[in-house]
Amino acid sequence: IKITYIMKIQLLIISLLFMTNGFCARGLDKAFQLLPQPQSVELIPGKGIMYTDLKFVSAASDTLDPILGALTDVLPRAGHMGKGLFLQLSESNVPDSPEGYVLEVNDKGVTVTARTEAGLFYGCQTLEQLLEDSRDFDLEIPQMKITDYPAIAYRAVHLDTKHHLDRMEYYYRMIDRLARYKVNAIIWELEDKLRFTRRPEVAAPNAISKQEMQALCRYAKERNVEICPLVQGLGHAGFILKHHWELRENPDSDWEFCPSDPRTYEVQFDLYLDALEAMPYGKYLHVGGDEITAIGIDDRCKATGKTAFELQMIWLKNVCQFAVDHGCIPIFWDDMPLKYAGIWELALSDKSEEEVVKVWNTDKLDEAIGLFPKECVYMRWKYEDATTPAHRRLLEWYHDKGLKVMGATAASAGDSPFMPRRNTRSEYVKGFSQLVADNQLEGILATAWDDGSPHLETVWR
């Protein structure tokens, strides 16, 4: 069995991210399994082409060649006899999307038309899959017209490197694989795996240098993958507070910063700056902020007269302002406000609509709305079924308050979904993706936590 065919089976979960608004390419031979499935496939009578038929690549004078796959990158970039791959930019008869494209197969070869270079890139990635299947199954690619565009603009995966790093070569190949299946973003949870220069004590001995990360981000950008940093703040701070005991909220725990000590922000902002310099092309800065257990118990916090929730939101306001001042959009895990309001457990539940109506109450959230920074994206994470009545009501609350929301599902939530197979979360991924598309949220993130230290290879499927 060909390696490429095995990869397509493993990557079914990625296709589920983008199946919304698409349909199965009925009429194509079953060997032609396009991931993600295109929005539209129209079969046209006539003779198709084999993977060996393309002899050259021709781009219009105003068109830059996108990064091509293995089967098309070897073709000469000049007109020759025979069938060719024709690339062209146009605003006519193409989807109204910066990533959309039209791919046409006919007796002259293949034409890919798009509004932008990103659209051309994705059209060529689709073509690469067709050519591979033609090769692997010795089948003719039929004459057809594919019209495709994403239902979700920001399609991200989470890379968590708390517990281990691979060689840099692995991350380059990872980007190739993500781009191939039209994943266009990575939110990279760095913890101590970046060689911080402003706070070198935080970095692990094997950390990635800023220069290495910058080179990887350039490579990703060329393939339409945007890499953004996640540097944990307020909580989950053990990798920092094991060095900075003076900034602990609880002297006996390295979990939380004290949000009332100005030095907290000096340290956090230095780490943010290093991360943004290492990942210079992303539009987001994920500031963490989740799963806080003990804020307001320290004398510095007590002296403010603020509640624990107020202190958390003051911290959020400060870090969000930092992000905006440095040209980024802040992202914040949203669980702590929901726990404060007493609706966290309800939002996680699978109660019926009738049951939810009886107990749903957002009064505390409504009263505190002035504390929610409007420039922030609230990452609504739910790793099980996101389509429940309570969770839909929560998304409606965010919408009614004019707050920006991004969905976060899970390919891995502390364990490996690869072993045993029944642990797959594909239906949860699909369900939340549909909600994101239907409600036009800011995007979707598939988290891949390595708390149990599963290797990323176990979650590709």
Protein backbone atom coordinates (compact mmCIF):
# COMPACT_ATOMS: atom_id res chain seq x y z
CA ILE A 1 0.00 0.00 0.00
CA LYS A 2 1.37 3.38 -0.92
CA ILE A 3 2.49 5.69 1.90
CA THR A 4 0.36 8.51 0.51
CA TYR A 5 -2.80 6.41 0.75
CA ILE A 6 -2.03 5.55 4.38
CA MET A 7 -1.52 9.23 5.13
CA LYS A 8 -4.90 10.08 3.67
CA ILE A 9 -6.61 7.60 5.96
CA GLN A 10 -4.72 8.97 8.95
CA LEU A 11 -5.60 12.52 8.03
CA LEU A 12 -9.34 11.99 7.90
CA ILE A 13 -9.65 13.96 11.12
CA ILE A 14 -8.14 17.01 9.44
CA SER A 15 -10.64 16.76 6.61
CA LEU A 16 -13.45 16.83 9.17
CA LEU A 17 -12.33 20.31 10.15
CA PHE A 18 -13.34 21.54 6.73
CA MET A 19 -16.22 19.30 5.62
CA THR A 20 -18.70 22.02 6.56
CA ASN A 21 -20.54 23.32 3.51
CA GLY A 22 -18.84 20.71 1.32
CA PHE A 23 -20.01 17.45 -0.15
CA CYS A 24 -18.58 14.19 -1.36
CA ALA A 25 -17.26 14.32 -4.90
CA ARG A 26 -19.91 11.98 -6.24
CA GLY A 27 -19.10 10.53 -9.62
CA LEU A 28 -15.36 10.39 -9.05
CA ASP A 29 -13.73 7.03 -8.76
CA LYS A 30 -13.48 6.04 -5.09
CA ALA A 31 -9.68 6.27 -5.36
CA PHE A 32 -9.89 10.06 -5.72
CA GLN A 33 -10.38 10.98 -2.07
CA LEU A 34 -9.75 14.71 -1.73
CA LEU A 35 -9.03 15.99 1.77
CA PRO A 36 -10.63 18.33 2.60
CA GLN A 37 -13.58 17.70 0.33
CA PRO A 38 -14.11 20.54 -2.15
CA GLN A 39 -17.20 22.72 -2.12
CA SER A 40 -18.16 21.61 -5.64
CA VAL A 41 -16.99 19.02 -8.16
CA GLU A 42 -18.53 19.07 -11.64
CA LEU A 43 -17.66 16.18 -13.95
CA ILE A 44 -17.44 17.04 -17.64
CA PRO A 45 -17.77 14.57 -20.55
CA GLY A 46 -14.53 13.91 -22.37
CA LYS A 47 -11.13 12.31 -21.98
CA GLY A 48 -9.17 13.13 -18.85
CA ILE A 49 -5.45 13.04 -18.12
CA MET A 50 -2.97 10.72 -16.46
CA TYR A 51 -0.45 11.93 -13.91
CA THR A 52 2.32 11.64 -16.52
CA ASP A 53 0.57 13.90 -19.04
CA LEU A 54 1.57 17.26 -17.56
CA LYS A 55 4.80 18.47 -19.17
CA PHE A 56 5.28 22.05 -17.95
CA VAL A 57 4.04 24.81 -15.65
CA SER A 58 2.97 28.11 -17.16
CA ALA A 59 2.11 31.17 -15.05
CA ALA A 60 0.73 34.46 -16.32
CA SER A 61 3.22 37.33 -16.26
CA ASP A 62 1.58 38.88 -13.19
CA THR A 63 1.46 35.60 -11.27
CA LEU A 64 4.06 34.28 -8.86
CA ASP A 65 4.58 30.53 -8.83
CA PRO A 66 3.21 29.07 -5.59
CA ILE A 67 5.06 26.35 -3.72
CA LEU A 68 4.27 23.19 -5.67
CA GLY A 69 4.06 19.55 -4.65
CA ALA A 70 6.53 16.82 -5.55
CA LEU A 71 4.79 15.79 -8.79
CA THR A 72 4.47 19.30 -10.22
CA ASP A 73 7.56 20.99 -8.82
CA VAL A 74 9.78 18.91 -11.13
CA LEU A 75 8.09 20.29 -14.26
CA PRO A 76 9.89 22.98 -16.29
CA ARG A 77 8.54 26.54 -15.93
CA ALA A 78 8.21 27.21 -19.64
CA GLY A 79 5.84 26.33 -22.46
CA HIS A 80 6.50 22.96 -24.09
CA MET A 81 4.62 20.61 -26.33
CA GLY A 82 1.86 18.67 -24.65
CA LYS A 83 -0.40 19.33 -21.72
CA GLY A 84 0.53 21.84 -19.02
CA LEU A 85 -0.42 23.26 -15.65
CA PHE A 86 -1.63 26.83 -16.19
CA LEU A 87 -1.76 29.24 -13.26
CA GLN A 88 -3.58 32.56 -13.41
CA LEU A 89 -4.89 35.28 -11.13
CA SER A 90 -8.33 36.66 -11.85
CA GLU A 91 -11.27 38.27 -10.04
CA SER A 92 -13.77 36.86 -12.49
CA ASN A 93 -15.52 33.50 -12.20
CA VAL A 94 -13.71 32.52 -9.01
CA PRO A 95 -14.95 32.27 -5.41
CA ASP A 96 -15.11 35.51 -3.46
CA SER A 97 -12.52 34.26 -1.01
CA PRO A 98 -8.79 34.97 -0.70
CA GLU A 99 -8.18 31.22 -0.41
CA GLY A 100 -10.69 30.07 -3.02
CA TYR A 101 -9.82 28.65 -6.42
CA VAL A 102 -11.19 26.98 -9.52
CA LEU A 103 -9.38 23.92 -10.88
CA GLU A 104 -10.27 22.71 -14.38
CA VAL A 105 -9.05 19.53 -16.03
CA ASN A 106 -9.46 19.34 -19.82
CA ASP A 107 -7.70 18.14 -22.95
CA LYS A 108 -5.08 20.91 -22.65
CA GLY A 109 -4.07 20.00 -19.13
CA VAL A 110 -5.00 21.69 -15.87
CA THR A 111 -5.84 25.32 -15.18
CA VAL A 112 -5.91 26.78 -11.67
CA THR A 113 -7.48 30.21 -11.28
CA ALA A 114 -7.69 32.24 -8.08
CA ARG A 115 -7.84 35.77 -6.75
CA THR A 116 -4.61 35.43 -4.77
CA GLU A 117 -1.41 33.41 -4.60
CA ALA A 118 -2.89 31.63 -1.58
CA GLY A 119 -5.79 30.41 -3.72
CA LEU A 120 -3.37 29.20 -6.39
CA PHE A 121 -1.39 27.37 -3.71
CA TYR A 122 -4.47 25.52 -2.46
CA GLY A 123 -5.59 24.67 -5.97
CA CYS A 124 -2.18 23.14 -6.63
CA GLN A 125 -2.36 21.17 -3.38
CA THR A 126 -5.65 19.68 -4.55
CA LEU A 127 -4.11 18.86 -7.91
CA GLU A 128 -1.24 17.09 -6.18
CA GLN A 129 -3.70 14.71 -4.50
CA LEU A 130 -5.38 13.97 -7.83
CA LEU A 131 -2.02 13.28 -9.48
CA GLU A 132 -0.94 11.00 -6.63
CA ASP A 133 -4.11 8.93 -6.88
CA SER A 134 -3.76 8.75 -10.66
CA ARG A 135 -0.24 7.41 -10.13
CA ASP A 136 -1.01 5.07 -7.25
CA PHE A 137 -4.13 3.51 -8.78
CA ASP A 138 -3.20 3.88 -12.47
CA LEU A 139 -6.39 5.84 -13.09
CA GLU A 140 -7.28 8.68 -15.40
CA ILE A 141 -8.24 11.98 -13.79
CA PRO A 142 -11.56 12.81 -15.47
CA GLN A 143 -12.35 16.14 -17.04
CA MET A 144 -13.82 18.20 -14.25
CA LYS A 145 -14.24 21.59 -12.67
CA ILE A 146 -13.55 21.97 -8.95
CA THR A 147 -14.72 25.12 -7.19
CA ASP A 148 -13.45 25.38 -3.66
CA TYR A 149 -13.13 27.81 -0.77
CA PRO A 150 -12.97 27.44 3.01
CA ALA A 151 -16.03 27.59 5.25
CA ILE A 152 -13.72 28.70 8.10
CA ALA A 153 -11.06 31.33 7.47
CA TYR A 154 -8.71 30.54 10.38
CA ARG A 155 -8.00 26.80 10.63
CA ALA A 156 -5.40 26.13 13.29
CA VAL A 157 -3.78 23.27 15.11
CA HIS A 158 -2.17 23.49 18.51
CA LEU A 159 1.44 22.40 18.96
CA ASP A 160 2.29 21.70 22.59
CA THR A 161 5.99 21.19 23.23
CA LYS A 162 6.02 21.22 27.04
CA HIS A 163 7.44 17.76 27.46
CA HIS A 164 9.51 17.06 24.39
CA LEU A 165 10.98 18.55 21.23
CA ASP A 166 11.68 16.91 17.90
CA ARG A 167 14.44 17.81 15.53
CA MET A 168 13.71 20.91 13.49
CA GLU A 169 13.40 18.77 10.38
CA TYR A 170 10.26 17.22 11.84
CA TYR A 171 8.57 20.61 12.17
CA TYR A 172 9.38 21.50 8.56
CA ARG A 173 7.76 18.26 7.39
CA MET A 174 4.85 18.91 9.74
CA ILE A 175 4.22 22.26 8.02
CA ASP A 176 4.30 20.57 4.62
CA ARG A 177 1.66 18.10 5.79
CA LEU A 178 -0.58 20.75 7.35
CA ALA A 179 -0.41 22.99 4.30
CA ARG A 180 -1.20 20.08 2.03
CA TYR A 181 -4.52 19.58 3.80
CA LYS A 182 -5.24 23.33 3.95
CA VAL A 183 -4.59 23.89 7.64
CA ASN A 184 -3.41 27.50 7.63
CA ALA A 185 -2.31 28.22 11.21
CA ILE A 186 -0.40 26.86 14.19
CA ILE A 187 -0.73 28.14 17.74
CA TRP A 188 2.50 26.96 19.32
CA GLU A 189 2.53 26.56 23.11
CA LEU A 190 6.19 27.21 23.79
CA GLU A 191 6.53 26.89 27.56
CA ASP A 192 10.35 26.70 28.08
CA LYS A 193 11.17 25.38 24.59
CA LEU A 194 12.12 28.79 23.14
CA ARG A 195 15.57 30.16 23.93
CA PHE A 196 14.37 33.37 25.54
CA THR A 197 17.05 36.06 25.36
CA ARG A 198 15.54 38.60 27.76
CA ARG A 199 14.91 35.94 30.41
CA PRO A 200 17.40 33.18 29.53
CA GLU A 201 16.86 31.40 32.86
CA VAL A 202 13.40 30.30 31.67
CA ALA A 203 14.63 28.40 28.59
CA ALA A 204 15.29 24.65 28.64
CA PRO A 205 18.77 23.49 27.58
CA ASN A 206 17.44 22.07 24.30
CA ALA A 207 15.23 25.07 23.47
CA ILE A 208 14.81 26.32 19.89
CA SER A 209 16.71 29.51 19.16
CA LYS A 210 14.85 32.59 17.98
CA GLN A 211 16.74 32.44 14.68
CA GLU A 212 15.73 28.81 14.09
CA MET A 213 12.12 29.66 14.85
CA GLN A 214 12.18 32.69 12.54
CA ALA A 215 13.44 30.51 9.69
CA LEU A 216 10.70 27.95 10.32
CA CYS A 217 8.07 30.71 10.37
CA ARG A 218 9.32 32.03 7.02
CA TYR A 219 9.05 28.54 5.58
CA ALA A 220 5.52 28.24 6.95
CA LYS A 221 4.48 31.64 5.62
CA GLU A 222 5.54 30.63 2.11
CA ARG A 223 3.10 27.74 2.46
CA ASN A 224 0.29 29.90 3.86
CA VAL A 225 0.68 28.62 7.42
CA GLU A 226 0.73 31.33 10.08
CA ILE A 227 2.55 30.49 13.32
CA CYS A 228 1.56 32.35 16.50
CA PRO A 229 2.91 31.93 20.04
CA LEU A 230 1.09 30.81 23.17
CA VAL A 231 3.00 31.91 26.26
CA GLN A 232 1.11 30.90 29.40
CA GLY A 233 0.28 33.77 31.72
CA LEU A 234 -1.19 34.16 35.19
CA GLY A 235 -1.60 30.38 35.60
CA HIS A 236 0.24 27.32 34.26
CA ALA A 237 3.40 29.26 35.09
CA GLY A 238 5.58 26.60 36.70
CA PHE A 239 8.22 26.87 34.00
CA ILE A 240 8.66 30.54 34.97
CA LEU A 241 7.91 30.61 38.69
CA LYS A 242 10.35 27.85 39.54
CA HIS A 243 12.91 30.60 38.84
CA HIS A 244 10.93 33.59 40.17
CA TRP A 245 9.62 32.65 43.59
CA GLU A 246 9.08 36.31 44.43
CA LEU A 247 6.23 36.50 41.89
CA ARG A 248 4.19 33.57 43.21
CA GLU A 249 0.68 34.23 44.47
CA ASN A 250 1.06 31.22 46.74
CA PRO A 251 4.58 30.66 48.10
CA ASP A 252 3.91 26.92 48.21
CA SER A 253 2.86 26.69 44.56
CA ASP A 254 4.47 27.65 41.27
CA TRP A 255 1.10 27.66 39.46
CA GLU A 256 0.05 31.34 39.50
CA PHE A 257 1.68 34.72 39.19
CA CYS A 258 0.65 37.48 41.55
CA PRO A 259 -1.28 39.88 39.29
CA SER A 260 -0.75 42.78 41.73
CA ASP A 261 3.06 42.80 41.57
CA PRO A 262 4.38 45.08 38.78
CA ARG A 263 7.33 42.72 38.31
CA THR A 264 4.90 40.06 37.07
CA TYR A 265 4.30 42.14 33.95
CA GLU A 266 8.00 42.89 33.47
CA VAL A 267 8.71 39.15 33.26
CA GLN A 268 5.64 38.26 31.19
CA PHE A 269 6.16 41.08 28.71
CA ASP A 270 9.80 40.11 28.20
CA LEU A 271 8.72 36.55 27.36
CA TYR A 272 5.97 37.84 25.04
CA LEU A 273 8.47 40.08 23.23
CA ASP A 274 10.90 37.23 22.66
CA ALA A 275 8.10 35.00 21.38
CA LEU A 276 6.80 37.66 18.98
CA GLU A 277 10.30 38.29 17.66
CA ALA A 278 10.76 34.56 17.11
CA MET A 279 7.37 34.28 15.36
CA PRO A 280 7.12 37.59 13.49
CA TYR A 281 4.39 36.80 10.93
CA GLY A 282 1.42 35.85 13.10
CA LYS A 283 -1.47 38.14 13.99
CA TYR A 284 -2.30 36.57 17.36
CA LEU A 285 -0.65 36.40 20.77
CA HIS A 286 -2.24 33.74 22.97
CA VAL A 287 -1.79 34.86 26.58
CA GLY A 288 -3.15 31.76 28.33
CA GLY A 289 -5.00 32.72 31.52
CA ASP A 290 -6.88 29.48 32.22
CA GLU A 291 -7.45 27.19 35.19
CA ILE A 292 -6.51 29.62 37.96
CA THR A 293 -6.83 28.12 41.44
CA ALA A 294 -5.75 30.77 43.95
CA ILE A 295 -5.80 34.50 43.17
CA GLY A 296 -6.41 37.12 45.87
CA ILE A 297 -4.80 35.24 48.76
CA ASP A 298 -1.47 37.10 48.68
CA ASP A 299 -0.98 40.27 50.79
CA ARG A 300 -0.17 42.24 47.64
CA CYS A 301 -3.55 41.28 46.19
CA LYS A 302 -5.46 41.74 49.44
CA ALA A 303 -4.13 45.29 49.70
CA THR A 304 -5.91 46.22 46.46
CA GLY A 305 -9.35 45.51 47.85
CA LYS A 306 -10.24 43.72 44.60
CA THR A 307 -11.96 40.36 44.27
CA ALA A 308 -10.15 37.42 42.72
CA PHE A 309 -12.20 37.79 39.54
CA GLU A 310 -11.46 41.50 39.29
CA LEU A 311 -7.75 40.83 39.73
CA GLN A 312 -7.83 38.23 36.94
CA MET A 313 -9.57 40.64 34.59
CA ILE A 314 -7.15 43.46 35.48
CA TRP A 315 -4.35 41.09 34.49
CA LEU A 316 -6.20 40.32 31.25
CA LYS A 317 -6.64 44.02 30.47
CA ASN A 318 -2.92 44.64 30.99
CA VAL A 319 -1.72 41.79 28.79
CA CYS A 320 -4.30 42.58 26.10
CA GLN A 321 -3.07 46.16 25.99
CA PHE A 322 0.48 44.86 25.57
CA ALA A 323 -0.61 42.73 22.62
CA VAL A 324 -2.44 45.59 20.93
CA ASP A 325 0.52 47.95 21.48
CA HIS A 326 2.69 45.41 19.64
CA GLY A 327 0.35 44.93 16.68
CA CYS A 328 -1.23 41.65 17.81
CA ILE A 329 -4.70 40.40 18.63
CA PRO A 330 -4.77 38.76 22.08
CA ILE A 331 -6.37 35.35 22.62
CA PHE A 332 -7.50 34.25 26.09
CA TRP A 333 -8.82 30.89 27.35
CA ASP A 334 -12.30 31.79 28.61
CA ASP A 335 -12.97 29.34 31.46
CA MET A 336 -12.28 31.61 34.44
CA PRO A 337 -15.05 34.17 33.75
CA LEU A 338 -17.49 31.29 33.26
CA LYS A 339 -16.47 29.71 36.56
CA TYR A 340 -16.88 33.07 38.29
CA ALA A 341 -20.41 33.36 36.87
CA GLY A 342 -21.35 29.83 37.91
CA ILE A 343 -22.16 28.56 34.43
CA TRP A 344 -18.99 26.59 33.68
CA GLU A 345 -20.40 23.20 34.65
CA LEU A 346 -23.66 23.98 32.88
CA ALA A 347 -21.84 24.92 29.68
CA LEU A 348 -20.05 21.57 29.80
CA SER A 349 -23.24 19.60 30.40
CA ASP A 350 -25.50 17.81 27.92
CA LYS A 351 -28.72 18.99 29.56
CA SER A 352 -31.79 19.36 27.35
CA GLU A 353 -33.05 22.76 26.23
CA GLU A 354 -35.90 22.54 28.75
CA GLU A 355 -33.48 21.83 31.59
CA VAL A 356 -31.13 24.61 30.52
CA VAL A 357 -33.89 27.23 30.34
CA LYS A 358 -34.75 26.59 34.00
CA VAL A 359 -31.25 27.30 35.31
CA TRP A 360 -29.55 29.53 32.71
CA ASN A 361 -28.45 32.79 34.34
CA THR A 362 -25.80 35.20 33.02
CA ASP A 363 -26.51 38.04 35.47
CA LYS A 364 -23.00 37.96 36.94
CA LEU A 365 -21.43 37.98 33.49
CA ASP A 366 -23.72 40.79 32.38
CA GLU A 367 -22.78 42.90 35.40
CA ALA A 368 -19.07 42.33 34.76
CA ILE A 369 -19.13 42.95 31.00
CA GLY A 370 -17.17 46.19 31.43
CA LEU A 371 -14.18 44.13 32.56
CA PHE A 372 -14.05 42.14 29.30
CA PRO A 373 -11.53 43.70 26.86
CA LYS A 374 -13.25 44.10 23.50
CA GLU A 375 -9.99 43.72 21.57
CA CYS A 376 -9.56 40.18 22.91
CA VAL A 377 -10.58 36.91 21.24
CA TYR A 378 -12.19 34.63 23.82
CA MET A 379 -11.18 31.06 23.08
CA ARG A 380 -14.27 28.98 23.85
CA TRP A 381 -12.82 25.57 24.55
CA LYS A 382 -14.98 22.50 24.75
CA TYR A 383 -13.41 19.14 24.07
CA GLU A 384 -16.57 17.07 23.99
CA ASP A 385 -19.84 17.81 22.17
CA ALA A 386 -20.01 21.55 21.44
CA THR A 387 -23.50 21.44 19.91
CA THR A 388 -25.40 21.06 23.21
CA PRO A 389 -28.16 23.60 24.11
CA ALA A 390 -26.20 25.18 26.97
CA HIS A 391 -23.11 25.66 24.85
CA ARG A 392 -25.12 27.20 22.01
CA ARG A 393 -26.63 29.63 24.51
CA LEU A 394 -23.16 30.60 25.68
CA LEU A 395 -22.07 31.37 22.10
CA GLU A 396 -25.20 33.51 21.73
CA TRP A 397 -24.25 35.45 24.87
CA TYR A 398 -20.82 36.26 23.44
CA HIS A 399 -22.43 37.36 20.17
CA ASP A 400 -25.00 39.55 21.91
CA LYS A 401 -22.25 41.28 23.90
CA GLY A 402 -20.15 41.99 20.80
CA LEU A 403 -17.23 39.82 21.94
CA LYS A 404 -15.05 37.89 19.50
CA VAL A 405 -14.93 34.12 19.91
CA MET A 406 -12.74 31.35 18.53
CA GLY A 407 -13.62 27.68 19.01
CA ALA A 408 -11.19 25.19 20.47
CA THR A 409 -11.77 21.47 20.18
CA ALA A 410 -9.31 18.67 20.87
CA ALA A 411 -7.49 16.12 18.78
CA SER A 412 -5.81 15.06 22.01
CA ALA A 413 -6.79 16.03 25.53
CA GLY A 414 -4.07 14.60 27.71
CA ASP A 415 -4.18 11.10 26.27
CA SER A 416 -3.62 9.64 22.84
CA PRO A 417 -6.68 9.13 20.61
CA PHE A 418 -4.64 6.69 18.55
CA MET A 419 -4.55 4.03 21.29
CA PRO A 420 -7.22 2.80 21.68
CA ARG A 421 -8.93 3.75 18.45
CA ARG A 422 -12.31 4.25 20.12
CA ASN A 423 -10.93 7.41 21.72
CA THR A 424 -11.20 9.33 18.45
CA ARG A 425 -12.64 12.82 18.84
CA SER A 426 -13.46 13.33 15.18
CA GLU A 427 -17.18 13.86 15.71
CA TYR A 428 -16.51 16.52 18.32
CA VAL A 429 -14.10 18.25 15.93
CA LYS A 430 -16.67 18.13 13.15
CA GLY A 431 -19.51 19.40 15.35
CA PHE A 432 -17.61 22.39 16.68
CA SER A 433 -16.32 23.22 13.20
CA GLN A 434 -19.90 23.35 11.95
CA LEU A 435 -20.80 25.76 14.76
CA VAL A 436 -17.85 27.98 13.88
CA ALA A 437 -18.86 28.06 10.23
CA ASP A 438 -22.55 28.63 10.94
CA ASN A 439 -21.90 31.45 13.41
CA GLN A 440 -18.92 32.98 11.58
CA LEU A 441 -16.67 32.80 14.64
CA GLU A 442 -13.06 33.91 14.45
CA GLY A 443 -11.75 30.42 13.69
CA ILE A 444 -11.21 26.90 14.99
CA LEU A 445 -8.28 25.42 16.90
CA ALA A 446 -7.68 21.68 17.29
CA THR A 447 -5.71 21.38 20.51
CA ALA A 448 -3.21 18.55 20.88
CA TRP A 449 -2.18 18.53 24.51
CA ASP A 450 0.89 16.50 25.38
CA ASP A 451 0.21 16.32 29.13
CA GLY A 452 0.41 12.54 28.85
CA SER A 453 3.33 13.03 26.46
CA PRO A 454 1.79 11.41 23.37
CA HIS A 455 3.83 12.16 20.29
CA LEU A 456 2.20 14.34 17.65
CA GLU A 457 2.28 11.38 15.28
CA THR A 458 -0.46 9.74 17.36
CA VAL A 459 -2.99 12.50 16.65
CA TRP A 460 -2.67 13.06 12.89
CA ARG A 461 -5.53 10.71 12.18
